[in-house]
Amino acid sequence: MSFPEPNDLPQDQNVNHEQAAQKEQILKQILTPEARMRLNNIKMVKPELSDLVEQYLIGMATQGKMPGQINDDQLKQILLSTQQPKRDFKINRV
């Protein structure tokens, strides 16, 4: 079994790969190593949450609203603000 050459991939896959590489490059610039590690761990457990946070961070960076690099504590605050509050259910048995 042979692997396809990069030239054999359809054009849209090349574009998606380039966009993913650009996204990773931006995240490397705006996140400290600890924050990147935390975001990668979250991506394994909750990919939809990590995608939402990545989009938010990239949007802030492209608008120039990012004062500097985001550290781990700042990322924790962003994660807490984006998560849905959990509902508690209490079941009374009769």
N, C-alpha and C. Protein backbone atom coordinates (compact mmCIF):
# COMPACT_ATOMS: atom_id res chain seq x y z
N MET A 1 0.85 -1.17 0.00
CA MET A 1 0.00 0.00 0.00
C MET A 1 0.89 1.23 0.00
N SER A 2 0.62 2.14 -0.88
CA SER A 2 1.43 3.35 -0.96
C SER A 2 0.62 4.54 -0.46
N PHE A 3 1.33 5.49 0.06
CA PHE A 3 0.69 6.71 0.54
C PHE A 3 0.62 7.71 -0.61
N PRO A 4 -0.44 8.51 -0.66
CA PRO A 4 -0.54 9.48 -1.74
C PRO A 4 0.51 10.58 -1.58
N GLU A 5 1.01 11.02 -2.68
CA GLU A 5 1.95 12.14 -2.68
C GLU A 5 1.18 13.41 -2.39
N PRO A 6 1.83 14.44 -1.85
CA PRO A 6 1.12 15.69 -1.59
C PRO A 6 0.50 16.28 -2.86
N ASN A 7 1.10 16.03 -4.01
CA ASN A 7 0.55 16.56 -5.25
C ASN A 7 -0.70 15.80 -5.68
N ASP A 8 -0.91 14.59 -5.17
CA ASP A 8 -2.06 13.78 -5.55
C ASP A 8 -3.33 14.15 -4.76
N LEU A 9 -3.18 14.94 -3.69
CA LEU A 9 -4.33 15.29 -2.86
C LEU A 9 -5.20 16.30 -3.60
N PRO A 10 -6.51 16.22 -3.42
CA PRO A 10 -7.38 17.22 -4.02
C PRO A 10 -7.06 18.62 -3.48
N GLN A 11 -7.41 19.62 -4.27
CA GLN A 11 -7.07 21.00 -3.93
C GLN A 11 -7.68 21.43 -2.60
N ASP A 12 -8.92 21.03 -2.31
CA ASP A 12 -9.54 21.46 -1.06
C ASP A 12 -8.87 20.87 0.16
N GLN A 13 -8.29 19.68 0.05
CA GLN A 13 -7.55 19.12 1.17
C GLN A 13 -6.26 19.90 1.40
N ASN A 14 -5.62 20.35 0.34
CA ASN A 14 -4.42 21.18 0.48
C ASN A 14 -4.76 22.49 1.16
N VAL A 15 -5.89 23.08 0.79
CA VAL A 15 -6.31 24.34 1.40
C VAL A 15 -6.61 24.13 2.88
N ASN A 16 -7.32 23.04 3.22
CA ASN A 16 -7.63 22.75 4.62
C ASN A 16 -6.36 22.53 5.42
N HIS A 17 -5.39 21.84 4.83
CA HIS A 17 -4.12 21.58 5.52
C HIS A 17 -3.37 22.90 5.75
N GLU A 18 -3.39 23.78 4.78
CA GLU A 18 -2.71 25.08 4.92
C GLU A 18 -3.39 25.92 5.98
N GLN A 19 -4.73 25.90 6.02
CA GLN A 19 -5.46 26.67 7.03
C GLN A 19 -5.18 26.14 8.43
N ALA A 20 -5.09 24.83 8.56
CA ALA A 20 -4.78 24.24 9.87
C ALA A 20 -3.37 24.62 10.29
N ALA A 21 -2.44 24.65 9.35
CA ALA A 21 -1.07 25.04 9.68
C ALA A 21 -1.01 26.51 10.09
N GLN A 22 -1.77 27.36 9.41
CA GLN A 22 -1.80 28.78 9.78
C GLN A 22 -2.41 28.96 11.16
N LYS A 23 -3.47 28.20 11.46
CA LYS A 23 -4.11 28.28 12.77
C LYS A 23 -3.14 27.87 13.86
N GLU A 24 -2.40 26.78 13.64
CA GLU A 24 -1.42 26.33 14.63
C GLU A 24 -0.32 27.36 14.83
N GLN A 25 0.10 28.01 13.76
CA GLN A 25 1.16 29.03 13.85
C GLN A 25 0.69 30.22 14.68
N ILE A 26 -0.56 30.65 14.46
CA ILE A 26 -1.10 31.77 15.23
C ILE A 26 -1.21 31.39 16.71
N LEU A 27 -1.69 30.17 16.97
CA LEU A 27 -1.83 29.74 18.37
C LEU A 27 -0.47 29.64 19.05
N LYS A 28 0.56 29.24 18.31
CA LYS A 28 1.91 29.19 18.90
C LYS A 28 2.38 30.58 19.30
N GLN A 29 1.97 31.59 18.55
CA GLN A 29 2.40 32.95 18.83
C GLN A 29 1.65 33.56 20.01
N ILE A 30 0.37 33.22 20.17
CA ILE A 30 -0.43 33.92 21.17
C ILE A 30 -0.58 33.15 22.49
N LEU A 31 -0.17 31.87 22.52
CA LEU A 31 -0.29 31.08 23.74
C LEU A 31 1.08 30.68 24.27
N THR A 32 1.22 30.68 25.58
CA THR A 32 2.44 30.17 26.20
C THR A 32 2.45 28.65 26.04
N PRO A 33 3.59 27.99 26.21
CA PRO A 33 3.63 26.53 26.07
C PRO A 33 2.67 25.80 27.01
N GLU A 34 2.53 26.29 28.24
CA GLU A 34 1.62 25.65 29.18
C GLU A 34 0.18 25.77 28.72
N ALA A 35 -0.19 26.94 28.22
CA ALA A 35 -1.55 27.15 27.74
C ALA A 35 -1.83 26.30 26.50
N ARG A 36 -0.85 26.17 25.62
CA ARG A 36 -1.02 25.32 24.43
C ARG A 36 -1.21 23.86 24.84
N MET A 37 -0.46 23.42 25.85
CA MET A 37 -0.60 22.05 26.33
C MET A 37 -2.00 21.82 26.90
N ARG A 38 -2.49 22.78 27.66
CA ARG A 38 -3.84 22.66 28.24
C ARG A 38 -4.88 22.61 27.12
N LEU A 39 -4.75 23.46 26.12
CA LEU A 39 -5.71 23.48 25.02
C LEU A 39 -5.66 22.17 24.23
N ASN A 40 -4.48 21.61 24.04
CA ASN A 40 -4.36 20.32 23.35
C ASN A 40 -5.00 19.19 24.17
N ASN A 41 -4.84 19.24 25.50
CA ASN A 41 -5.49 18.23 26.36
C ASN A 41 -7.01 18.34 26.27
N ILE A 42 -7.50 19.55 26.24
CA ILE A 42 -8.95 19.76 26.14
C ILE A 42 -9.44 19.29 24.78
N LYS A 43 -8.63 19.47 23.75
CA LYS A 43 -9.02 19.04 22.40
C LYS A 43 -9.26 17.54 22.35
N MET A 44 -8.51 16.78 23.15
CA MET A 44 -8.70 15.33 23.18
C MET A 44 -10.02 14.93 23.84
N VAL A 45 -10.44 15.71 24.84
CA VAL A 45 -11.63 15.36 25.61
C VAL A 45 -12.87 16.04 25.03
N LYS A 46 -12.77 17.32 24.76
CA LYS A 46 -13.91 18.10 24.26
C LYS A 46 -13.48 18.91 23.03
N PRO A 47 -13.45 18.28 21.86
CA PRO A 47 -12.98 18.98 20.67
C PRO A 47 -13.84 20.20 20.30
N GLU A 48 -15.14 20.14 20.59
CA GLU A 48 -15.99 21.28 20.24
C GLU A 48 -15.66 22.50 21.10
N LEU A 49 -15.32 22.29 22.36
CA LEU A 49 -14.94 23.39 23.24
C LEU A 49 -13.60 23.98 22.80
N SER A 50 -12.64 23.14 22.46
CA SER A 50 -11.34 23.65 22.05
C SER A 50 -11.45 24.41 20.73
N ASP A 51 -12.31 23.95 19.81
CA ASP A 51 -12.50 24.68 18.55
C ASP A 51 -13.10 26.05 18.81
N LEU A 52 -14.06 26.12 19.72
CA LEU A 52 -14.68 27.39 20.06
C LEU A 52 -13.66 28.36 20.65
N VAL A 53 -12.83 27.88 21.56
CA VAL A 53 -11.82 28.73 22.20
C VAL A 53 -10.75 29.14 21.18
N GLU A 54 -10.35 28.22 20.30
CA GLU A 54 -9.36 28.55 19.28
C GLU A 54 -9.88 29.64 18.36
N GLN A 55 -11.14 29.53 17.93
CA GLN A 55 -11.73 30.55 17.07
C GLN A 55 -11.77 31.91 17.78
N TYR A 56 -12.12 31.89 19.05
CA TYR A 56 -12.17 33.13 19.83
C TYR A 56 -10.78 33.76 19.92
N LEU A 57 -9.77 32.95 20.25
CA LEU A 57 -8.42 33.48 20.40
C LEU A 57 -7.88 34.01 19.08
N ILE A 58 -8.11 33.28 18.00
CA ILE A 58 -7.62 33.73 16.69
C ILE A 58 -8.33 35.00 16.26
N GLY A 59 -9.62 35.09 16.54
CA GLY A 59 -10.36 36.31 16.23
C GLY A 59 -9.83 37.51 16.99
N MET A 60 -9.55 37.32 18.26
CA MET A 60 -8.99 38.41 19.07
C MET A 60 -7.62 38.81 18.56
N ALA A 61 -6.82 37.84 18.17
CA ALA A 61 -5.47 38.14 17.70
C ALA A 61 -5.50 38.88 16.37
N THR A 62 -6.38 38.46 15.47
CA THR A 62 -6.43 39.11 14.16
C THR A 62 -7.01 40.52 14.25
N GLN A 63 -7.83 40.79 15.25
CA GLN A 63 -8.38 42.12 15.45
C GLN A 63 -7.42 43.02 16.22
N GLY A 64 -6.33 42.47 16.71
CA GLY A 64 -5.36 43.26 17.45
C GLY A 64 -5.76 43.53 18.88
N LYS A 65 -6.67 42.77 19.43
CA LYS A 65 -7.14 42.98 20.80
C LYS A 65 -6.41 42.12 21.81
N MET A 66 -5.35 41.44 21.38
CA MET A 66 -4.59 40.56 22.25
C MET A 66 -3.39 41.37 22.79
N PRO A 67 -3.36 41.64 24.12
CA PRO A 67 -2.28 42.46 24.67
C PRO A 67 -0.91 41.78 24.62
N GLY A 68 -0.87 40.49 24.67
CA GLY A 68 0.38 39.73 24.68
C GLY A 68 0.04 38.26 24.62
N GLN A 69 0.96 37.44 25.09
CA GLN A 69 0.68 36.02 25.10
C GLN A 69 -0.29 35.67 26.22
N ILE A 70 -1.13 34.70 25.94
CA ILE A 70 -2.09 34.21 26.93
C ILE A 70 -1.40 33.11 27.73
N ASN A 71 -1.39 33.27 29.06
CA ASN A 71 -0.79 32.23 29.89
C ASN A 71 -1.86 31.23 30.34
N ASP A 72 -1.45 30.25 31.10
CA ASP A 72 -2.33 29.16 31.50
C ASP A 72 -3.51 29.67 32.34
N ASP A 73 -3.26 30.58 33.27
CA ASP A 73 -4.33 31.09 34.12
C ASP A 73 -5.35 31.89 33.30
N GLN A 74 -4.88 32.67 32.35
CA GLN A 74 -5.81 33.42 31.50
C GLN A 74 -6.63 32.48 30.63
N LEU A 75 -6.01 31.42 30.14
CA LEU A 75 -6.74 30.44 29.34
C LEU A 75 -7.80 29.74 30.18
N LYS A 76 -7.49 29.46 31.45
CA LYS A 76 -8.49 28.85 32.34
C LYS A 76 -9.71 29.75 32.46
N GLN A 77 -9.48 31.06 32.59
CA GLN A 77 -10.59 32.01 32.72
C GLN A 77 -11.43 32.04 31.44
N ILE A 78 -10.77 31.98 30.29
CA ILE A 78 -11.49 31.97 29.01
C ILE A 78 -12.31 30.69 28.90
N LEU A 79 -11.73 29.57 29.30
CA LEU A 79 -12.45 28.30 29.24
C LEU A 79 -13.67 28.31 30.16
N LEU A 80 -13.51 28.86 31.35
CA LEU A 80 -14.64 28.92 32.28
C LEU A 80 -15.75 29.82 31.75
N SER A 81 -15.38 30.91 31.08
CA SER A 81 -16.40 31.82 30.57
C SER A 81 -17.13 31.25 29.36
N THR A 82 -16.51 30.33 28.62
CA THR A 82 -17.16 29.79 27.43
C THR A 82 -17.97 28.53 27.71
N GLN A 83 -17.74 27.88 28.84
CA GLN A 83 -18.46 26.64 29.13
C GLN A 83 -19.88 26.94 29.57
N GLN A 84 -20.78 26.04 29.21
CA GLN A 84 -22.16 26.13 29.63
C GLN A 84 -22.25 25.76 31.11
N PRO A 85 -23.06 26.46 31.87
CA PRO A 85 -23.21 26.06 33.27
C PRO A 85 -23.89 24.70 33.37
N LYS A 86 -23.43 23.89 34.29
CA LYS A 86 -24.01 22.56 34.47
C LYS A 86 -25.30 22.67 35.27
N ARG A 87 -26.22 21.80 34.92
CA ARG A 87 -27.48 21.77 35.64
C ARG A 87 -27.43 20.65 36.66
N ASP A 88 -27.91 20.94 37.84
CA ASP A 88 -28.00 19.93 38.89
C ASP A 88 -29.43 19.42 38.96
N PHE A 89 -29.55 18.13 39.00
CA PHE A 89 -30.87 17.51 39.12
C PHE A 89 -30.95 16.83 40.47
N LYS A 90 -32.06 17.02 41.11
CA LYS A 90 -32.29 16.37 42.38
C LYS A 90 -33.52 15.49 42.24
N ILE A 91 -33.34 14.22 42.52
CA ILE A 91 -34.43 13.25 42.39
C ILE A 91 -34.86 12.83 43.78
N ASN A 92 -36.11 13.05 44.06
CA ASN A 92 -36.69 12.63 45.33
C ASN A 92 -37.48 11.36 45.09
N ARG A 93 -37.11 10.32 45.78
CA ARG A 93 -37.85 9.06 45.65
C ARG A 93 -38.92 8.99 46.72
N VAL A 94 -40.05 8.51 46.32
CA VAL A 94 -41.17 8.42 47.25
C VAL A 94 -41.36 7.00 47.72
